[in-house]
Amino acid sequence: MRRMFLTMSLLLPFAAGGCVTSVIKEVVTAPVKVISKTADVLTTSQSEADEKRGKALRKKEENLGKLSRKRSKAQRKCDEGNADACDDAREYEMEIEREQDRPV
């Protein structure tokens, strides 16, 4: 029994060596991983910037399209004699100009 205990206590460090090595590796590499992840989060790659700009351009074009359709509808009603629609058409025209002048 005593011999078995002695044998086990001698073999235990070798059996647990992989675990210890793994833990040491994690502890040593953790700061590098944290710094790397932080730098990645704080910086924007060129492709991410391009995607963001493309999304903003699409949204701007979508807004311009909606305003243009509303202006056209108001203009048709204005042509039919609706004075309120004429005012709406002018307002939509000003909104379109503001949207076109707005930077992306």
Protein backbone atom coordinates (compact mmCIF):
# COMPACT_ATOMS: atom_id res chain seq x y z
CA MET A 1 0.00 0.00 0.00
CA ARG A 2 2.78 2.33 0.97
CA ARG A 3 4.69 1.41 -2.16
CA MET A 4 1.63 2.18 -4.31
CA PHE A 5 1.24 5.56 -2.60
CA LEU A 6 4.88 6.36 -3.21
CA THR A 7 4.60 5.34 -6.87
CA MET A 8 1.47 7.41 -7.35
CA SER A 9 3.00 10.47 -5.71
CA LEU A 10 6.03 10.18 -8.00
CA LEU A 11 3.90 9.81 -11.13
CA LEU A 12 1.38 12.54 -10.25
CA PRO A 13 3.57 15.51 -11.33
CA PHE A 14 4.12 13.90 -14.74
CA ALA A 15 0.44 13.10 -15.17
CA ALA A 16 -0.59 16.64 -14.18
CA GLY A 17 2.23 18.23 -16.19
CA GLY A 18 0.02 18.70 -19.23
CA CYS A 19 -2.57 20.52 -17.15
CA VAL A 20 0.04 22.75 -15.55
CA THR A 21 1.61 23.53 -18.90
CA SER A 22 -1.78 24.34 -20.34
CA VAL A 23 -2.61 26.68 -17.46
CA ILE A 24 0.77 28.41 -17.68
CA LYS A 25 0.32 28.84 -21.43
CA GLU A 26 -3.11 30.42 -20.91
CA VAL A 27 -1.80 32.77 -18.22
CA VAL A 28 1.15 33.87 -20.34
CA THR A 29 -0.85 34.41 -23.54
CA ALA A 30 -3.92 36.03 -21.92
CA PRO A 31 -2.53 39.60 -21.86
CA VAL A 32 -1.51 39.34 -25.51
CA LYS A 33 -4.99 38.13 -26.45
CA VAL A 34 -6.64 40.94 -24.51
CA ILE A 35 -4.45 43.61 -26.12
CA SER A 36 -5.01 42.13 -29.56
CA LYS A 37 -8.78 42.00 -29.09
CA THR A 38 -8.85 45.58 -27.76
CA ALA A 39 -6.85 46.86 -30.71
CA ASP A 40 -9.15 45.03 -33.10
CA VAL A 41 -12.24 46.52 -31.48
CA LEU A 42 -10.83 50.05 -31.40
CA THR A 43 -9.63 50.15 -35.00
CA THR A 44 -11.75 50.05 -38.13
CA SER A 45 -10.44 48.21 -41.14
CA GLN A 46 -10.79 49.70 -44.60
CA SER A 47 -13.39 47.11 -45.58
CA GLU A 48 -15.46 47.91 -42.47
CA ALA A 49 -15.26 51.62 -43.30
CA ASP A 50 -16.31 50.89 -46.89
CA GLU A 51 -19.26 48.80 -45.70
CA LYS A 52 -20.36 51.56 -43.33
CA ARG A 53 -20.13 54.20 -46.06
CA GLY A 54 -22.01 51.99 -48.52
CA LYS A 55 -24.76 51.44 -45.99
CA ALA A 56 -25.04 55.19 -45.36
CA LEU A 57 -25.19 55.85 -49.13
CA ARG A 58 -27.92 53.26 -49.62
CA LYS A 59 -29.92 54.77 -46.75
CA LYS A 60 -29.54 58.26 -48.23
CA GLU A 61 -30.67 57.05 -51.67
CA GLU A 62 -33.62 55.25 -50.07
CA ASN A 63 -34.67 58.46 -48.28
CA LEU A 64 -34.31 60.44 -51.51
CA GLY A 65 -36.46 57.91 -53.34
CA LYS A 66 -39.22 58.10 -50.72
CA LEU A 67 -39.18 61.89 -50.75
CA SER A 68 -39.23 61.94 -54.55
CA ARG A 69 -42.27 59.65 -54.65
CA LYS A 70 -44.07 61.81 -52.08
CA ARG A 71 -43.19 64.96 -54.05
CA SER A 72 -44.48 63.42 -57.28
CA LYS A 73 -47.74 62.39 -55.63
CA ALA A 74 -48.18 65.86 -54.12
CA GLN A 75 -47.34 67.48 -57.47
CA ARG A 76 -50.03 65.41 -59.25
CA LYS A 77 -52.59 66.53 -56.67
CA CYS A 78 -51.34 70.10 -57.02
CA ASP A 79 -51.83 69.90 -60.79
CA GLU A 80 -55.42 68.79 -60.09
CA GLY A 81 -55.99 72.00 -58.13
CA ASN A 82 -55.24 71.04 -54.52
CA ALA A 83 -53.47 74.05 -52.97
CA ASP A 84 -52.38 72.14 -49.87
CA ALA A 85 -50.69 69.58 -52.10
CA CYS A 86 -48.73 72.40 -53.78
CA ASP A 87 -47.38 73.42 -50.38
CA ASP A 88 -46.52 69.79 -49.63
CA ALA A 89 -44.72 69.44 -52.96
CA ARG A 90 -42.60 72.52 -52.19
CA GLU A 91 -41.79 71.16 -48.70
CA TYR A 92 -40.77 67.81 -50.17
CA GLU A 93 -38.58 69.60 -52.70
CA MET A 94 -36.79 71.46 -49.87
CA GLU A 95 -36.36 68.21 -47.94
CA ILE A 96 -34.85 66.58 -51.03
CA GLU A 97 -32.38 69.45 -51.40
CA ARG A 98 -31.40 69.20 -47.71
CA GLU A 99 -30.96 65.44 -48.01
CA GLN A 100 -28.80 65.85 -51.11
CA ASP A 101 -26.63 68.44 -49.37
CA ARG A 102 -26.27 66.30 -46.23
CA PRO A 103 -22.81 64.67 -46.04
CA VAL A 104 -22.68 60.90 -45.89
